[in-house]
Amino acid sequence: TANMSGLSHFNATVDIFGVGRKGTASTNPSRQQAGDLTLAKNSTITANEVSVGSTTHINGTTGTHNNGGTSTLNLGSGGGAVNNLYADRMSFGIGKATGNMNFAAGVVGTDSVEIRGKNTTGAVGTFEIGVRNMSSSSGIPGGTVNFGTGKVDALITNLNVGQWANGAGTSGVNPTGTF
């Protein structure tokens, strides 16, 4: 858990901006990644990917895909907060995890978020919520992206909500998503 709400500004330029994201192959079945991050009032994230709640391994590594916990990205809020999310892919609740995004407590109608591709002007290529991308009979991926009363300016090419993706197999686990 990390809370930056006491900061006025936060800027990050990274390859992958992850909250509760599985980073490497693991054979330990007790590991369940989960995270809760509250951004500063005014935050700008620039990345190839923003990933909140994912049990998918990075760089195609293999290993046990453990059930993930619940992870949340809380956008900065309160009296005209400005959030900028610039990434070519944004994922919430992937594999066996739950991933959520919303404004932090205290959101008002003047708080805003701009969602664009990494170049800051084009569309996000893929924005996904609750995507099953592995074969397994356990762990239900899901997620909620809820902007409440805040303002949203988003350009998205592909919006996938509650989707079976490549590699999901034929398990009886159904992904859920809310946008």
N, C-alpha and C. Protein backbone atom coordinates (compact mmCIF):
# COMPACT_ATOMS: atom_id res chain seq x y z
N THR A 1 0.85 -1.18 0.00
CA THR A 1 0.00 0.00 0.00
C THR A 1 0.89 1.23 0.00
N ALA A 2 0.57 2.15 -0.89
CA ALA A 2 1.29 3.43 -0.94
C ALA A 2 0.27 4.54 -1.13
N ASN A 3 0.42 5.60 -0.35
CA ASN A 3 -0.52 6.72 -0.40
C ASN A 3 0.26 8.01 -0.62
N MET A 4 0.10 8.58 -1.82
CA MET A 4 0.78 9.83 -2.17
C MET A 4 -0.17 11.02 -2.13
N SER A 5 -1.33 10.85 -1.52
CA SER A 5 -2.34 11.92 -1.54
C SER A 5 -1.87 13.20 -0.86
N GLY A 6 -0.84 13.12 -0.02
CA GLY A 6 -0.30 14.32 0.63
C GLY A 6 0.61 15.13 -0.28
N LEU A 7 0.96 14.57 -1.44
CA LEU A 7 1.81 15.29 -2.40
C LEU A 7 0.95 16.11 -3.35
N SER A 8 1.47 17.23 -3.80
CA SER A 8 0.72 18.02 -4.77
C SER A 8 0.94 17.49 -6.19
N HIS A 9 2.15 16.93 -6.48
CA HIS A 9 2.47 16.44 -7.82
C HIS A 9 3.25 15.14 -7.76
N PHE A 10 3.01 14.26 -8.74
CA PHE A 10 3.78 13.04 -8.93
C PHE A 10 3.86 12.77 -10.42
N ASN A 11 5.07 12.55 -10.92
CA ASN A 11 5.29 12.23 -12.33
C ASN A 11 6.16 10.98 -12.42
N ALA A 12 5.78 10.04 -13.29
CA ALA A 12 6.58 8.84 -13.49
C ALA A 12 6.61 8.51 -14.98
N THR A 13 7.80 8.22 -15.49
CA THR A 13 7.98 7.72 -16.84
C THR A 13 8.72 6.39 -16.71
N VAL A 14 8.01 5.30 -17.03
CA VAL A 14 8.53 3.96 -16.82
C VAL A 14 8.11 3.05 -17.97
N ASP A 15 8.67 1.84 -18.02
CA ASP A 15 8.26 0.86 -19.01
C ASP A 15 6.88 0.32 -18.65
N ILE A 16 6.77 -0.27 -17.44
CA ILE A 16 5.50 -0.80 -16.97
C ILE A 16 5.18 -0.17 -15.62
N PHE A 17 4.02 0.45 -15.50
CA PHE A 17 3.55 0.99 -14.24
C PHE A 17 2.57 -0.02 -13.67
N GLY A 18 3.01 -0.78 -12.69
CA GLY A 18 2.20 -1.88 -12.18
C GLY A 18 1.81 -1.73 -10.73
N VAL A 19 0.59 -2.12 -10.43
CA VAL A 19 0.08 -2.18 -9.06
C VAL A 19 -0.47 -3.59 -8.89
N GLY A 20 0.14 -4.38 -8.00
CA GLY A 20 -0.31 -5.76 -7.82
C GLY A 20 -0.13 -6.59 -9.06
N ARG A 21 1.07 -6.57 -9.61
CA ARG A 21 1.37 -7.27 -10.86
C ARG A 21 2.44 -8.31 -10.60
N LYS A 22 2.21 -9.53 -11.07
CA LYS A 22 3.19 -10.59 -10.92
C LYS A 22 4.40 -10.26 -11.78
N GLY A 23 5.57 -10.29 -11.17
CA GLY A 23 6.76 -9.85 -11.88
C GLY A 23 7.61 -10.95 -12.47
N THR A 24 7.69 -12.11 -11.83
CA THR A 24 8.55 -13.18 -12.32
C THR A 24 7.86 -14.51 -12.11
N ALA A 25 8.39 -15.54 -12.72
CA ALA A 25 7.85 -16.88 -12.54
C ALA A 25 8.02 -17.29 -11.09
N SER A 26 7.02 -17.97 -10.55
CA SER A 26 7.08 -18.41 -9.16
C SER A 26 6.45 -19.78 -9.05
N THR A 27 7.07 -20.62 -8.26
CA THR A 27 6.47 -21.92 -8.02
C THR A 27 5.87 -21.98 -6.62
N ASN A 28 5.83 -20.86 -5.93
CA ASN A 28 5.26 -20.80 -4.59
C ASN A 28 3.75 -20.54 -4.70
N PRO A 29 2.90 -21.55 -4.45
CA PRO A 29 1.46 -21.38 -4.64
C PRO A 29 0.80 -20.45 -3.63
N SER A 30 1.53 -20.03 -2.58
CA SER A 30 0.92 -19.16 -1.59
C SER A 30 1.04 -17.68 -1.95
N ARG A 31 1.79 -17.37 -2.99
CA ARG A 31 1.97 -15.96 -3.36
C ARG A 31 0.73 -15.41 -4.07
N GLN A 32 0.20 -14.34 -3.53
CA GLN A 32 -0.92 -13.64 -4.15
C GLN A 32 -0.58 -12.16 -4.13
N GLN A 33 -0.25 -11.63 -5.29
CA GLN A 33 0.12 -10.24 -5.36
C GLN A 33 -1.13 -9.36 -5.29
N ALA A 34 -1.01 -8.26 -4.57
CA ALA A 34 -2.09 -7.29 -4.46
C ALA A 34 -1.45 -5.96 -4.06
N GLY A 35 -2.04 -4.88 -4.48
CA GLY A 35 -1.50 -3.57 -4.13
C GLY A 35 -2.59 -2.53 -4.14
N ASP A 36 -2.34 -1.45 -3.40
CA ASP A 36 -3.27 -0.33 -3.33
C ASP A 36 -2.43 0.93 -3.42
N LEU A 37 -2.62 1.70 -4.48
CA LEU A 37 -1.83 2.91 -4.70
C LEU A 37 -2.76 4.10 -4.87
N THR A 38 -2.54 5.13 -4.07
CA THR A 38 -3.27 6.39 -4.19
C THR A 38 -2.29 7.43 -4.72
N LEU A 39 -2.61 8.01 -5.87
CA LEU A 39 -1.72 8.98 -6.50
C LEU A 39 -1.84 10.35 -5.84
N ALA A 40 -0.86 11.20 -6.12
CA ALA A 40 -0.88 12.59 -5.66
C ALA A 40 -2.04 13.32 -6.34
N LYS A 41 -2.38 14.48 -5.80
CA LYS A 41 -3.50 15.25 -6.34
C LYS A 41 -3.35 15.47 -7.85
N ASN A 42 -2.17 15.80 -8.29
CA ASN A 42 -1.89 16.00 -9.71
C ASN A 42 -0.81 15.02 -10.12
N SER A 43 -1.16 14.03 -10.96
CA SER A 43 -0.23 12.96 -11.31
C SER A 43 -0.20 12.74 -12.82
N THR A 44 1.00 12.45 -13.31
CA THR A 44 1.18 12.09 -14.71
C THR A 44 1.99 10.80 -14.77
N ILE A 45 1.41 9.78 -15.40
CA ILE A 45 2.06 8.49 -15.59
C ILE A 45 2.26 8.30 -17.09
N THR A 46 3.49 8.07 -17.53
CA THR A 46 3.80 7.78 -18.92
C THR A 46 4.50 6.43 -18.96
N ALA A 47 3.90 5.47 -19.69
CA ALA A 47 4.44 4.11 -19.69
C ALA A 47 4.03 3.38 -20.96
N ASN A 48 4.72 2.29 -21.26
CA ASN A 48 4.25 1.41 -22.32
C ASN A 48 2.95 0.74 -21.88
N GLU A 49 2.90 0.40 -20.58
CA GLU A 49 1.72 -0.31 -20.06
C GLU A 49 1.42 0.13 -18.63
N VAL A 50 0.14 0.32 -18.33
CA VAL A 50 -0.35 0.47 -16.97
C VAL A 50 -1.10 -0.81 -16.66
N SER A 51 -0.70 -1.50 -15.59
CA SER A 51 -1.26 -2.81 -15.26
C SER A 51 -1.63 -2.83 -13.77
N VAL A 52 -2.92 -3.06 -13.49
CA VAL A 52 -3.40 -3.10 -12.11
C VAL A 52 -4.09 -4.45 -11.90
N GLY A 53 -3.49 -5.29 -11.06
CA GLY A 53 -4.05 -6.62 -10.80
C GLY A 53 -3.83 -7.56 -11.96
N SER A 54 -2.67 -8.22 -11.98
CA SER A 54 -2.36 -9.14 -13.07
C SER A 54 -1.54 -10.31 -12.56
N THR A 55 -1.95 -11.52 -12.90
CA THR A 55 -1.16 -12.69 -12.56
C THR A 55 -0.39 -13.21 -13.76
N THR A 56 -0.39 -12.48 -14.85
CA THR A 56 0.35 -12.87 -16.05
C THR A 56 1.82 -12.52 -15.86
N HIS A 57 2.69 -13.44 -16.24
CA HIS A 57 4.14 -13.22 -16.07
C HIS A 57 4.65 -12.21 -17.08
N ILE A 58 5.66 -11.48 -16.68
CA ILE A 58 6.31 -10.51 -17.55
C ILE A 58 7.28 -11.24 -18.48
N ASN A 59 7.41 -10.75 -19.67
CA ASN A 59 8.37 -11.24 -20.67
C ASN A 59 8.18 -12.71 -21.03
N GLY A 60 6.95 -13.22 -20.92
CA GLY A 60 6.64 -14.56 -21.38
C GLY A 60 7.22 -15.68 -20.54
N THR A 61 7.67 -15.40 -19.32
CA THR A 61 8.21 -16.47 -18.48
C THR A 61 7.09 -17.41 -18.09
N THR A 62 7.45 -18.63 -17.73
CA THR A 62 6.45 -19.62 -17.36
C THR A 62 6.57 -19.94 -15.89
N GLY A 63 5.57 -20.62 -15.38
CA GLY A 63 5.56 -21.01 -13.98
C GLY A 63 4.13 -21.09 -13.50
N THR A 64 3.95 -21.24 -12.21
CA THR A 64 2.62 -21.36 -11.63
C THR A 64 1.92 -20.01 -11.67
N HIS A 65 0.72 -19.98 -12.19
CA HIS A 65 -0.09 -18.76 -12.17
C HIS A 65 -0.97 -18.83 -10.94
N ASN A 66 -0.63 -18.11 -9.90
CA ASN A 66 -1.37 -18.17 -8.65
C ASN A 66 -2.55 -17.20 -8.68
N ASN A 67 -3.55 -17.49 -7.87
CA ASN A 67 -4.68 -16.58 -7.76
C ASN A 67 -4.17 -15.25 -7.24
N GLY A 68 -4.60 -14.19 -7.88
CA GLY A 68 -4.18 -12.87 -7.45
C GLY A 68 -5.16 -12.29 -6.45
N GLY A 69 -4.73 -11.29 -5.75
CA GLY A 69 -5.60 -10.57 -4.83
C GLY A 69 -6.30 -9.44 -5.56
N THR A 70 -6.77 -8.46 -4.79
CA THR A 70 -7.41 -7.29 -5.37
C THR A 70 -6.45 -6.11 -5.30
N SER A 71 -6.27 -5.45 -6.42
CA SER A 71 -5.38 -4.29 -6.50
C SER A 71 -6.17 -3.09 -6.99
N THR A 72 -5.81 -1.91 -6.47
CA THR A 72 -6.55 -0.70 -6.83
C THR A 72 -5.61 0.46 -7.08
N LEU A 73 -5.88 1.20 -8.16
CA LEU A 73 -5.21 2.45 -8.46
C LEU A 73 -6.21 3.55 -8.20
N ASN A 74 -5.94 4.37 -7.17
CA ASN A 74 -6.80 5.50 -6.82
C ASN A 74 -6.20 6.76 -7.42
N LEU A 75 -6.93 7.40 -8.32
CA LEU A 75 -6.46 8.62 -8.94
C LEU A 75 -6.51 9.76 -7.93
N GLY A 76 -5.64 10.75 -8.13
CA GLY A 76 -5.64 11.92 -7.25
C GLY A 76 -6.98 12.63 -7.31
N SER A 77 -7.41 13.18 -6.18
CA SER A 77 -8.72 13.83 -6.13
C SER A 77 -8.69 15.01 -5.17
N GLY A 78 -9.76 15.81 -5.27
CA GLY A 78 -9.94 16.92 -4.34
C GLY A 78 -9.65 18.28 -4.94
N GLY A 79 -10.70 19.02 -5.27
CA GLY A 79 -10.56 20.41 -5.69
C GLY A 79 -9.78 20.65 -6.95
N GLY A 80 -10.16 20.02 -8.03
CA GLY A 80 -9.53 20.26 -9.33
C GLY A 80 -8.29 19.42 -9.60
N ALA A 81 -8.21 18.25 -9.03
CA ALA A 81 -7.08 17.35 -9.28
C ALA A 81 -7.00 17.02 -10.77
N VAL A 82 -5.77 16.90 -11.27
CA VAL A 82 -5.53 16.59 -12.69
C VAL A 82 -4.67 15.33 -12.76
N ASN A 83 -5.21 14.28 -13.39
CA ASN A 83 -4.50 13.02 -13.59
C ASN A 83 -4.33 12.79 -15.08
N ASN A 84 -3.12 12.41 -15.48
CA ASN A 84 -2.83 12.10 -16.88
C ASN A 84 -2.25 10.69 -16.93
N LEU A 85 -2.94 9.80 -17.63
CA LEU A 85 -2.45 8.43 -17.81
C LEU A 85 -2.14 8.24 -19.29
N TYR A 86 -0.86 8.09 -19.61
CA TYR A 86 -0.41 7.96 -20.98
C TYR A 86 0.27 6.60 -21.15
N ALA A 87 -0.42 5.67 -21.79
CA ALA A 87 0.14 4.33 -22.01
C ALA A 87 -0.52 3.71 -23.24
N ASP A 88 0.20 2.83 -23.91
CA ASP A 88 -0.35 2.18 -25.09
C ASP A 88 -1.24 1.00 -24.75
N ARG A 89 -1.12 0.49 -23.51
CA ARG A 89 -1.97 -0.60 -23.03
C ARG A 89 -2.30 -0.32 -21.57
N MET A 90 -3.57 -0.48 -21.22
CA MET A 90 -4.00 -0.35 -19.83
C MET A 90 -4.84 -1.57 -19.48
N SER A 91 -4.45 -2.25 -18.39
CA SER A 91 -5.07 -3.51 -18.02
C SER A 91 -5.47 -3.50 -16.55
N PHE A 92 -6.69 -4.00 -16.28
CA PHE A 92 -7.23 -4.04 -14.92
C PHE A 92 -7.88 -5.40 -14.70
N GLY A 93 -7.30 -6.24 -13.84
CA GLY A 93 -7.86 -7.56 -13.55
C GLY A 93 -7.59 -8.57 -14.66
N ILE A 94 -6.35 -9.04 -14.73
CA ILE A 94 -5.92 -9.92 -15.81
C ILE A 94 -5.48 -11.27 -15.23
N GLY A 95 -5.79 -12.35 -15.93
CA GLY A 95 -5.38 -13.69 -15.49
C GLY A 95 -6.30 -14.23 -14.43
N LYS A 96 -5.87 -14.12 -13.16
CA LYS A 96 -6.67 -14.59 -12.03
C LYS A 96 -6.83 -13.50 -10.97
N ALA A 97 -6.56 -12.26 -11.32
CA ALA A 97 -6.55 -11.17 -10.35
C ALA A 97 -7.73 -10.22 -10.55
N THR A 98 -7.91 -9.34 -9.58
CA THR A 98 -8.90 -8.27 -9.66
C THR A 98 -8.15 -6.95 -9.66
N GLY A 99 -8.49 -6.08 -10.61
CA GLY A 99 -7.84 -4.77 -10.71
C GLY A 99 -8.87 -3.68 -10.88
N ASN A 100 -8.76 -2.64 -10.07
CA ASN A 100 -9.72 -1.54 -10.08
C ASN A 100 -9.03 -0.20 -10.25
N MET A 101 -9.77 0.77 -10.81
CA MET A 101 -9.29 2.14 -10.88
C MET A 101 -10.47 3.06 -10.60
N ASN A 102 -10.23 4.06 -9.76
CA ASN A 102 -11.25 5.05 -9.44
C ASN A 102 -10.55 6.29 -8.89
N PHE A 103 -11.30 7.35 -8.70
CA PHE A 103 -10.76 8.51 -8.00
C PHE A 103 -10.71 8.17 -6.52
N ALA A 104 -9.72 8.71 -5.83
CA ALA A 104 -9.61 8.52 -4.39
C ALA A 104 -10.81 9.19 -3.71
N ALA A 105 -11.02 8.85 -2.46
CA ALA A 105 -12.12 9.44 -1.68
C ALA A 105 -12.04 10.96 -1.74
N GLY A 106 -13.18 11.58 -1.80
CA GLY A 106 -13.24 13.04 -1.84
C GLY A 106 -13.30 13.62 -3.24
N VAL A 107 -13.55 12.77 -4.24
CA VAL A 107 -13.62 13.26 -5.62
C VAL A 107 -14.73 14.30 -5.76
N VAL A 108 -14.43 15.34 -6.53
CA VAL A 108 -15.42 16.37 -6.85
C VAL A 108 -15.52 16.50 -8.36
N GLY A 109 -16.56 17.14 -8.82
CA GLY A 109 -16.82 17.24 -10.26
C GLY A 109 -15.75 17.95 -11.05
N THR A 110 -14.85 18.67 -10.38
CA THR A 110 -13.78 19.35 -11.11
C THR A 110 -12.51 18.50 -11.21
N ASP A 111 -12.46 17.35 -10.55
CA ASP A 111 -11.32 16.44 -10.67
C ASP A 111 -11.38 15.75 -12.03
N SER A 112 -10.20 15.55 -12.65
CA SER A 112 -10.22 15.02 -14.02
C SER A 112 -9.12 13.99 -14.25
N VAL A 113 -9.35 13.18 -15.29
CA VAL A 113 -8.33 12.26 -15.77
C VAL A 113 -8.35 12.31 -17.30
N GLU A 114 -7.15 12.38 -17.87
CA GLU A 114 -6.98 12.29 -19.32
C GLU A 114 -6.28 10.97 -19.60
N ILE A 115 -6.86 10.18 -20.51
CA ILE A 115 -6.32 8.87 -20.86
C ILE A 115 -5.95 8.90 -22.34
N ARG A 116 -4.66 8.69 -22.62
CA ARG A 116 -4.13 8.72 -23.98
C ARG A 116 -3.05 7.66 -24.12
N GLY A 117 -2.61 7.48 -25.35
CA GLY A 117 -1.48 6.61 -25.62
C GLY A 117 -0.19 7.22 -25.08
N LYS A 118 0.87 6.45 -25.10
CA LYS A 118 2.15 6.89 -24.54
C LYS A 118 2.65 8.19 -25.16
N ASN A 119 2.30 8.44 -26.41
CA ASN A 119 2.76 9.66 -27.07
C ASN A 119 2.00 10.91 -26.59
N THR A 120 1.05 10.76 -25.70
CA THR A 120 0.25 11.80 -25.03
C THR A 120 -0.86 12.41 -25.89
N THR A 121 -0.93 12.06 -27.18
CA THR A 121 -1.97 12.65 -28.03
C THR A 121 -2.86 11.60 -28.70
N GLY A 122 -2.31 10.43 -29.01
CA GLY A 122 -3.08 9.37 -29.68
C GLY A 122 -3.86 8.52 -28.69
N ALA A 123 -4.58 7.57 -29.24
CA ALA A 123 -5.42 6.69 -28.43
C ALA A 123 -4.62 5.59 -27.75
N VAL A 124 -5.12 5.13 -26.60
CA VAL A 124 -4.62 3.92 -25.97
C VAL A 124 -4.98 2.78 -26.91
N GLY A 125 -4.04 1.92 -27.26
CA GLY A 125 -4.31 0.82 -28.19
C GLY A 125 -5.31 -0.17 -27.61
N THR A 126 -5.05 -0.64 -26.38
CA THR A 126 -5.92 -1.62 -25.73
C THR A 126 -6.15 -1.21 -24.29
N PHE A 127 -7.41 -1.15 -23.90
CA PHE A 127 -7.84 -0.85 -22.54
C PHE A 127 -8.71 -2.03 -22.15
N GLU A 128 -8.26 -2.83 -21.16
CA GLU A 128 -8.97 -4.07 -20.84
C GLU A 128 -9.27 -4.17 -19.35
N ILE A 129 -10.47 -4.71 -19.07
CA ILE A 129 -10.93 -4.88 -17.70
C ILE A 129 -11.50 -6.28 -17.57
N GLY A 130 -10.93 -7.09 -16.68
CA GLY A 130 -11.43 -8.45 -16.46
C GLY A 130 -11.20 -9.35 -17.65
N VAL A 131 -9.95 -9.71 -17.89
CA VAL A 131 -9.61 -10.53 -19.06
C VAL A 131 -8.96 -11.84 -18.61
N ARG A 132 -9.53 -12.93 -19.06
CA ARG A 132 -9.01 -14.27 -18.78
C ARG A 132 -8.08 -14.64 -19.92
N ASN A 133 -6.78 -14.77 -19.64
CA ASN A 133 -5.81 -15.05 -20.69
C ASN A 133 -4.97 -16.28 -20.38
N MET A 134 -5.48 -17.17 -19.52
CA MET A 134 -4.76 -18.39 -19.20
C MET A 134 -5.75 -19.51 -18.94
N SER A 135 -5.31 -20.74 -19.09
CA SER A 135 -6.16 -21.89 -18.86
C SER A 135 -5.99 -22.35 -17.43
N SER A 136 -7.09 -22.36 -16.69
CA SER A 136 -7.07 -22.78 -15.29
C SER A 136 -8.51 -22.91 -14.82
N SER A 137 -8.71 -23.67 -13.77
CA SER A 137 -10.07 -23.82 -13.25
C SER A 137 -10.24 -23.04 -11.94
N SER A 138 -9.31 -22.15 -11.64
CA SER A 138 -9.43 -21.36 -10.41
C SER A 138 -9.13 -19.90 -10.69
N GLY A 139 -9.48 -19.05 -9.76
CA GLY A 139 -9.19 -17.63 -9.89
C GLY A 139 -10.02 -16.95 -10.95
N ILE A 140 -10.84 -16.02 -10.55
CA ILE A 140 -11.72 -15.33 -11.49
C ILE A 140 -11.22 -13.91 -11.70
N PRO A 141 -10.78 -13.58 -12.92
CA PRO A 141 -10.33 -12.22 -13.17
C PRO A 141 -11.52 -11.27 -13.22
N GLY A 142 -11.30 -10.09 -12.72
CA GLY A 142 -12.36 -9.09 -12.76
C GLY A 142 -11.80 -7.72 -12.47
N GLY A 143 -12.59 -6.73 -12.75
CA GLY A 143 -12.15 -5.38 -12.47
C GLY A 143 -13.26 -4.38 -12.66
N THR A 144 -13.05 -3.22 -12.06
CA THR A 144 -13.99 -2.11 -12.18
C THR A 144 -13.20 -0.84 -12.42
N VAL A 145 -13.59 -0.09 -13.42
CA VAL A 145 -13.06 1.24 -13.65
C VAL A 145 -14.24 2.18 -13.50
N ASN A 146 -14.19 3.01 -12.44
CA ASN A 146 -15.32 3.86 -12.07
C ASN A 146 -14.80 5.27 -11.81
N PHE A 147 -15.25 6.22 -12.62
CA PHE A 147 -14.78 7.59 -12.48
C PHE A 147 -15.72 8.45 -11.64
N GLY A 148 -16.81 7.87 -11.14
CA GLY A 148 -17.72 8.59 -10.26
C GLY A 148 -18.14 9.93 -10.85
N THR A 149 -17.98 10.99 -10.08
CA THR A 149 -18.40 12.31 -10.53
C THR A 149 -17.27 13.08 -11.20
N GLY A 150 -16.09 12.47 -11.34
CA GLY A 150 -14.96 13.15 -11.97
C GLY A 150 -15.15 13.27 -13.48
N LYS A 151 -14.32 14.10 -14.08
CA LYS A 151 -14.34 14.30 -15.53
C LYS A 151 -13.35 13.36 -16.20
N VAL A 152 -13.75 12.81 -17.35
CA VAL A 152 -12.91 11.86 -18.08
C VAL A 152 -12.78 12.31 -19.53
N ASP A 153 -11.56 12.32 -20.03
CA ASP A 153 -11.29 12.58 -21.44
C ASP A 153 -10.41 11.43 -21.90
N ALA A 154 -11.00 10.48 -22.62
CA ALA A 154 -10.28 9.27 -23.01
C ALA A 154 -10.36 9.01 -24.51
N LEU A 155 -9.23 8.59 -25.07
CA LEU A 155 -9.18 8.09 -26.44
C LEU A 155 -8.70 6.65 -26.35
N ILE A 156 -9.56 5.71 -26.78
CA ILE A 156 -9.27 4.28 -26.67
C ILE A 156 -9.61 3.61 -27.99
N THR A 157 -8.70 2.82 -28.53
CA THR A 157 -8.97 2.09 -29.78
C THR A 157 -9.77 0.82 -29.50
N ASN A 158 -9.27 -0.05 -28.62
CA ASN A 158 -9.95 -1.31 -28.29
C ASN A 158 -10.27 -1.35 -26.81
N LEU A 159 -11.56 -1.41 -26.48
CA LEU A 159 -12.02 -1.52 -25.10
C LEU A 159 -12.58 -2.92 -24.91
N ASN A 160 -11.93 -3.73 -24.05
CA ASN A 160 -12.35 -5.10 -23.78
C ASN A 160 -12.78 -5.20 -22.32
N VAL A 161 -14.03 -5.61 -22.10
CA VAL A 161 -14.57 -5.72 -20.75
C VAL A 161 -15.12 -7.12 -20.57
N GLY A 162 -14.60 -7.89 -19.58
CA GLY A 162 -15.06 -9.25 -19.32
C GLY A 162 -14.81 -10.16 -20.52
N GLN A 163 -13.57 -10.36 -20.89
CA GLN A 163 -13.22 -11.06 -22.13
C GLN A 163 -12.43 -12.34 -21.89
N TRP A 164 -12.74 -13.36 -22.70
CA TRP A 164 -11.90 -14.54 -22.84
C TRP A 164 -10.88 -14.19 -23.91
N ALA A 165 -9.59 -14.31 -23.60
CA ALA A 165 -8.54 -13.97 -24.56
C ALA A 165 -7.77 -15.22 -24.97
N ASN A 166 -6.83 -15.06 -25.88
CA ASN A 166 -5.99 -16.18 -26.32
C ASN A 166 -5.35 -16.86 -25.12
N GLY A 167 -5.32 -18.18 -25.14
CA GLY A 167 -4.70 -18.94 -24.07
C GLY A 167 -5.62 -19.23 -22.90
N ALA A 168 -6.88 -18.80 -22.97
CA ALA A 168 -7.79 -18.96 -21.83
C ALA A 168 -8.28 -20.38 -21.68
N GLY A 169 -8.11 -21.19 -22.69
CA GLY A 169 -8.54 -22.59 -22.58
C GLY A 169 -10.05 -22.70 -22.47
N THR A 170 -10.49 -23.78 -21.85
CA THR A 170 -11.93 -24.05 -21.78
C THR A 170 -12.43 -24.19 -20.34
N SER A 171 -11.72 -23.60 -19.38
CA SER A 171 -12.16 -23.71 -17.99
C SER A 171 -13.51 -23.03 -17.80
N GLY A 172 -14.20 -23.37 -16.72
CA GLY A 172 -15.52 -22.81 -16.44
C GLY A 172 -15.45 -21.48 -15.71
N VAL A 173 -14.31 -20.81 -15.71
CA VAL A 173 -14.14 -19.54 -15.02
C VAL A 173 -14.49 -18.41 -15.97
N ASN A 174 -15.43 -17.55 -15.56
CA ASN A 174 -15.87 -16.47 -16.41
C ASN A 174 -15.39 -15.13 -15.89
N PRO A 175 -14.66 -14.37 -16.69
CA PRO A 175 -14.17 -13.07 -16.27
C PRO A 175 -15.32 -12.05 -16.19
N THR A 176 -15.15 -11.05 -15.31
CA THR A 176 -16.15 -10.00 -15.19
C THR A 176 -15.46 -8.64 -15.23
N GLY A 177 -16.14 -7.68 -15.76
CA GLY A 177 -15.59 -6.33 -15.80
C GLY A 177 -16.69 -5.30 -15.79
N THR A 178 -16.41 -4.14 -15.24
CA THR A 178 -17.35 -3.03 -15.20
C THR A 178 -16.62 -1.76 -15.60
N PHE A 179 -17.22 -1.02 -16.53
CA PHE A 179 -16.66 0.25 -16.97
C PHE A 179 -17.73 1.30 -16.86
